[in-house]
Amino acid sequence: RVRLTSVPVDVEDLEVHGSITLMGLARRFAQGSFKNVVVCACTDDLLQSSCGPSTSHRLLALLAERQLLRRVYVEGHAEQLQQVGLPREKVVAACLDADAFRMKVAEDFPRDSSRDHCDLMLVFGVPAQVAPFCAVPNLARRDVPRVLVASDAQRCHSSDFSSTATRVRDHFEASYTSWVTFGRRRATLRPQWGPHFAGPGSSKYREQRVFNEDVDVWAARFAHEAGWASELENFVSELCVEVAKPVS
């Protein structure tokens, strides 16, 4: 049984960083501001506990149960997420079927951005420097809040795509594409987690926050602030019972 204890509020969360705090985010969930949450999940950061899927996995399952989750784009394999009962159509693994991945992205982010199915972009872990997956967080409109949670979050500010578009190779100048197209929608591959329009490495996003902490610790803190701690704890207990059942 996993105990989700009350977590004291970090002083840093009382400060405004891109106008998003953990308490403010939880409050906006309570107010019904978010109904189409898109998640980009780096599976290396979604650790498993000894009782099966981790707290962050279960938080995603709880969002799905509350009908607040639009999609989870997974960098690696999706077996762990399926163990917590996420509907198959909600989870898209970029490494398994590139065509299906692009099709789902085009559904969620059509050419007409006013028809997007994303009102919050939540990123667990720092996406690897692999196209096209690393461009998905940048598909959100500039007025959509973005949150990144990772234990090594400083890596989110730069990648191979951050450097100049041309490099000299074998005495010839070669150009490197820094954007990708999904359907009829184009997105940059460069990280967009810097301050809002503040020079090189800055971001077009008005509201975003980078939390430099373990994703499971953050998930437990968020559940507490949202008033979902007991609900998530019961959800955890039920899942642990299911995992512990012998296979007949």
Protein backbone atom coordinates (compact mmCIF):
# COMPACT_ATOMS: atom_id res chain seq x y z
CA ARG A 1 0.00 0.00 0.00
CA VAL A 2 1.32 3.42 -0.94
CA ARG A 3 0.71 6.29 1.46
CA LEU A 4 0.38 9.75 -0.06
CA THR A 5 1.10 12.00 2.88
CA SER A 6 0.44 15.71 3.06
CA VAL A 7 3.36 17.56 1.54
CA PRO A 8 4.31 21.02 2.81
CA VAL A 9 4.21 23.76 0.21
CA ASP A 10 7.63 24.60 -1.17
CA VAL A 11 8.46 28.27 -0.68
CA GLU A 12 9.50 28.45 -4.34
CA ASP A 13 5.93 27.62 -5.37
CA LEU A 14 4.76 30.86 -3.75
CA GLU A 15 6.84 32.82 -6.22
CA VAL A 16 5.62 33.55 -9.73
CA HIS A 17 7.65 31.91 -12.51
CA GLY A 18 5.89 32.44 -15.81
CA SER A 19 2.72 33.05 -13.76
CA ILE A 20 2.27 29.33 -12.97
CA THR A 21 2.57 27.84 -9.49
CA LEU A 22 1.63 24.39 -8.26
CA MET A 23 -1.19 25.79 -6.12
CA GLY A 24 -2.43 27.95 -8.97
CA LEU A 25 -2.38 25.01 -11.38
CA ALA A 26 -4.36 22.86 -8.94
CA ARG A 27 -6.85 25.67 -8.40
CA ARG A 28 -7.43 26.00 -12.13
CA PHE A 29 -8.12 22.26 -12.36
CA ALA A 30 -10.69 22.67 -9.58
CA GLN A 31 -12.29 25.53 -11.52
CA GLY A 32 -12.61 23.36 -14.63
CA SER A 33 -10.12 25.36 -16.69
CA PHE A 34 -8.48 22.26 -18.16
CA LYS A 35 -10.46 19.57 -19.97
CA ASN A 36 -8.05 18.56 -22.74
CA VAL A 37 -4.69 17.88 -21.13
CA VAL A 38 -1.99 16.66 -23.52
CA VAL A 39 0.95 14.89 -21.91
CA CYS A 40 4.41 14.19 -23.32
CA ALA A 41 5.97 11.43 -21.25
CA CYS A 42 9.59 10.32 -21.31
CA THR A 43 9.39 6.76 -20.03
CA ASP A 44 12.81 6.88 -18.32
CA ASP A 45 11.39 9.52 -15.96
CA LEU A 46 8.17 7.60 -15.23
CA LEU A 47 9.71 5.20 -12.74
CA GLN A 48 8.01 2.08 -11.47
CA SER A 49 7.53 1.41 -7.77
CA SER A 50 7.77 -2.03 -6.19
CA CYS A 51 3.99 -2.20 -6.37
CA GLY A 52 3.80 -1.72 -10.11
CA PRO A 53 3.10 1.57 -11.92
CA SER A 54 4.36 4.76 -10.29
CA THR A 55 2.49 7.67 -8.76
CA SER A 56 2.87 9.70 -11.94
CA HIS A 57 1.36 6.84 -13.98
CA ARG A 58 -1.60 6.76 -11.61
CA LEU A 59 -2.08 10.51 -11.79
CA LEU A 60 -2.43 10.21 -15.56
CA ALA A 61 -4.94 7.39 -15.10
CA LEU A 62 -6.88 9.56 -12.64
CA LEU A 63 -6.96 12.42 -15.14
CA ALA A 64 -8.32 9.99 -17.73
CA GLU A 65 -10.95 8.72 -15.29
CA ARG A 66 -12.02 12.32 -14.66
CA GLN A 67 -12.21 12.80 -18.45
CA LEU A 68 -9.59 15.54 -18.38
CA LEU A 69 -6.93 13.74 -20.42
CA ARG A 70 -6.84 14.16 -24.19
CA ARG A 71 -3.69 12.21 -25.05
CA VAL A 72 -0.39 10.86 -23.74
CA TYR A 73 2.49 10.88 -26.20
CA VAL A 74 5.16 8.46 -25.03
CA GLU A 75 8.77 8.62 -26.12
CA GLY A 76 9.36 4.91 -25.51
CA HIS A 77 7.03 1.98 -24.91
CA ALA A 78 3.59 2.32 -23.36
CA GLU A 79 3.13 -0.95 -21.45
CA GLN A 80 3.37 0.69 -18.02
CA LEU A 81 0.65 3.19 -18.84
CA GLN A 82 -1.62 0.45 -20.13
CA GLN A 83 -1.18 -1.37 -16.81
CA VAL A 84 -2.98 1.47 -15.03
CA GLY A 85 -5.94 1.19 -17.36
CA LEU A 86 -5.40 4.13 -19.69
CA PRO A 87 -7.59 3.64 -22.78
CA ARG A 88 -5.55 2.44 -25.74
CA GLU A 89 -6.66 5.38 -27.90
CA LYS A 90 -5.32 7.82 -25.29
CA VAL A 91 -1.73 6.56 -25.50
CA VAL A 92 0.52 6.99 -28.54
CA ALA A 93 4.04 5.52 -28.53
CA ALA A 94 6.30 7.39 -30.93
CA CYS A 95 8.75 4.49 -31.23
CA LEU A 96 6.20 1.88 -32.41
CA ASP A 97 4.23 3.35 -35.30
CA ALA A 98 5.41 6.60 -36.86
CA ASP A 99 2.34 6.90 -39.10
CA ALA A 100 -0.09 6.46 -36.20
CA PHE A 101 1.94 8.94 -34.15
CA ARG A 102 1.73 11.62 -36.83
CA MET A 103 -1.96 10.92 -37.43
CA LYS A 104 -2.86 11.40 -33.75
CA VAL A 105 -0.77 14.56 -33.55
CA ALA A 106 -2.59 15.95 -36.59
CA GLU A 107 -5.93 15.15 -34.92
CA ASP A 108 -5.00 16.98 -31.73
CA PHE A 109 -3.25 19.87 -33.48
CA PRO A 110 -4.95 20.57 -36.85
CA ARG A 111 -3.82 23.33 -39.18
CA ASP A 112 -6.45 25.68 -37.76
CA SER A 113 -5.05 26.17 -34.25
CA SER A 114 -8.41 27.48 -32.99
CA ARG A 115 -9.61 23.88 -33.28
CA ASP A 116 -6.79 22.42 -31.15
CA HIS A 117 -7.62 19.80 -28.55
CA CYS A 118 -5.12 21.00 -25.94
CA ASP A 119 -5.68 23.47 -23.12
CA LEU A 120 -2.67 22.36 -21.03
CA MET A 121 0.64 20.84 -22.16
CA LEU A 122 2.17 18.71 -19.40
CA VAL A 123 5.64 17.26 -19.98
CA PHE A 124 7.10 14.56 -17.71
CA GLY A 125 10.85 14.34 -18.19
CA VAL A 126 13.06 16.12 -20.72
CA PRO A 127 12.28 14.89 -24.26
CA ALA A 128 15.26 13.32 -25.99
CA GLN A 129 16.82 15.20 -28.89
CA VAL A 130 14.93 13.02 -31.36
CA ALA A 131 12.62 14.35 -34.04
CA PRO A 132 9.70 14.47 -34.31
CA PHE A 133 8.89 13.69 -30.64
CA CYS A 134 10.76 16.68 -29.20
CA ALA A 135 8.57 19.03 -31.27
CA VAL A 136 5.25 17.92 -29.73
CA PRO A 137 5.42 20.26 -26.68
CA ASN A 138 5.92 23.17 -29.12
CA LEU A 139 2.69 22.44 -30.97
CA ALA A 140 0.60 24.04 -28.24
CA ARG A 141 -0.64 27.53 -29.02
CA ARG A 142 1.21 30.42 -27.40
CA ASP A 143 -1.76 31.09 -25.06
CA VAL A 144 -1.82 27.49 -23.75
CA PRO A 145 -0.05 26.95 -20.39
CA ARG A 146 2.87 24.51 -20.38
CA VAL A 147 4.43 22.65 -17.44
CA LEU A 148 7.59 20.55 -17.50
CA VAL A 149 8.60 18.29 -14.60
CA ALA A 150 11.99 16.56 -14.54
CA SER A 151 14.69 15.74 -12.02
CA ASP A 152 17.33 17.14 -14.40
CA ALA A 153 15.27 19.97 -15.80
CA GLN A 154 18.24 22.13 -16.72
CA ARG A 155 18.62 19.94 -19.84
CA CYS A 156 15.35 21.29 -21.21
CA HIS A 157 16.89 24.64 -22.18
CA SER A 158 19.14 23.42 -24.97
CA SER A 159 19.52 20.65 -27.53
CA ASP A 160 21.31 19.91 -30.80
CA PHE A 161 18.57 21.89 -32.51
CA SER A 162 19.43 25.02 -30.49
CA SER A 163 22.64 25.68 -32.39
CA THR A 164 23.15 27.40 -35.70
CA ALA A 165 21.28 26.07 -38.71
CA THR A 166 24.46 25.51 -40.69
CA ARG A 167 27.59 23.53 -39.91
CA VAL A 168 30.75 22.72 -41.84
CA ARG A 169 31.16 19.03 -42.60
CA ASP A 170 33.88 17.60 -44.83
CA HIS A 171 34.75 21.15 -45.99
CA PHE A 172 31.17 21.77 -47.10
CA GLU A 173 28.49 23.83 -45.35
CA ALA A 174 25.46 21.69 -44.55
CA SER A 175 22.08 22.97 -43.38
CA TYR A 176 20.08 21.27 -40.62
CA THR A 177 16.31 21.54 -40.43
CA SER A 178 15.08 22.83 -37.07
CA TRP A 179 11.36 22.32 -37.64
CA VAL A 180 9.00 19.48 -38.49
CA THR A 181 5.55 19.25 -40.09
CA PHE A 182 2.61 17.24 -38.73
CA GLY A 183 -0.11 17.12 -41.35
CA ARG A 184 -0.37 20.80 -42.25
CA ARG A 185 0.99 22.08 -38.93
CA ARG A 186 4.59 23.15 -38.46
CA ALA A 187 6.52 23.17 -35.17
CA THR A 188 10.05 24.01 -34.15
CA LEU A 189 12.37 21.32 -32.81
CA ARG A 190 14.21 23.84 -30.67
CA PRO A 191 13.48 23.95 -26.92
CA GLN A 192 11.01 26.68 -25.93
CA TRP A 193 11.39 26.67 -22.14
CA GLY A 194 13.19 30.00 -21.69
CA PRO A 195 11.64 33.30 -20.54
CA HIS A 196 8.88 34.81 -22.64
CA PHE A 197 10.44 36.72 -25.56
CA ALA A 198 13.72 37.56 -23.84
CA GLY A 199 16.34 37.06 -26.55
CA PRO A 200 18.12 33.85 -27.67
CA GLY A 201 16.64 30.72 -26.12
CA SER A 202 13.46 32.55 -25.14
CA SER A 203 9.93 31.29 -25.58
CA LYS A 204 6.72 32.36 -27.29
CA TYR A 205 4.71 30.99 -24.37
CA ARG A 206 3.15 33.42 -21.92
CA GLU A 207 2.54 30.87 -19.18
CA GLN A 208 4.91 28.04 -18.42
CA ARG A 209 6.85 26.58 -15.53
CA VAL A 210 9.75 24.16 -15.19
CA PHE A 211 9.72 22.10 -11.98
CA ASN A 212 13.14 20.64 -11.21
CA GLU A 213 12.07 17.59 -9.20
CA ASP A 214 11.22 13.92 -9.45
CA VAL A 215 8.00 13.37 -11.39
CA ASP A 216 6.51 11.07 -8.74
CA VAL A 217 7.21 13.57 -5.96
CA TRP A 218 5.60 16.29 -8.07
CA ALA A 219 2.58 14.07 -8.84
CA ALA A 220 2.01 13.48 -5.12
CA ARG A 221 2.36 17.19 -4.36
CA PHE A 222 -0.03 18.11 -7.15
CA ALA A 223 -2.63 15.56 -5.97
CA HIS A 224 -2.41 17.04 -2.48
CA GLU A 225 -2.88 20.62 -3.70
CA ALA A 226 -5.76 19.59 -5.99
CA GLY A 227 -7.55 17.81 -3.14
CA TRP A 228 -7.15 14.47 -4.90
CA ALA A 229 -4.73 12.85 -2.43
CA SER A 230 -7.25 10.44 -0.88
CA GLU A 231 -8.75 9.65 -4.29
CA LEU A 232 -5.33 8.91 -5.73
CA GLU A 233 -4.40 6.86 -2.65
CA ASN A 234 -7.50 4.70 -3.05
CA PHE A 235 -6.75 4.43 -6.76
CA VAL A 236 -3.22 3.31 -5.87
CA SER A 237 -4.49 0.69 -3.41
CA GLU A 238 -6.93 -0.78 -5.91
CA LEU A 239 -4.22 -1.01 -8.56
CA CYS A 240 -1.81 -2.65 -6.14
CA VAL A 241 -4.42 -5.30 -5.35
CA GLU A 242 -4.88 -5.95 -9.08
CA VAL A 243 -1.12 -6.21 -9.62
CA ALA A 244 -0.78 -8.62 -6.70
CA LYS A 245 -3.48 -11.00 -7.96
CA PRO A 246 -2.03 -14.33 -9.13
CA VAL A 247 -2.48 -15.16 -12.79
CA SER A 248 -5.02 -17.96 -13.14
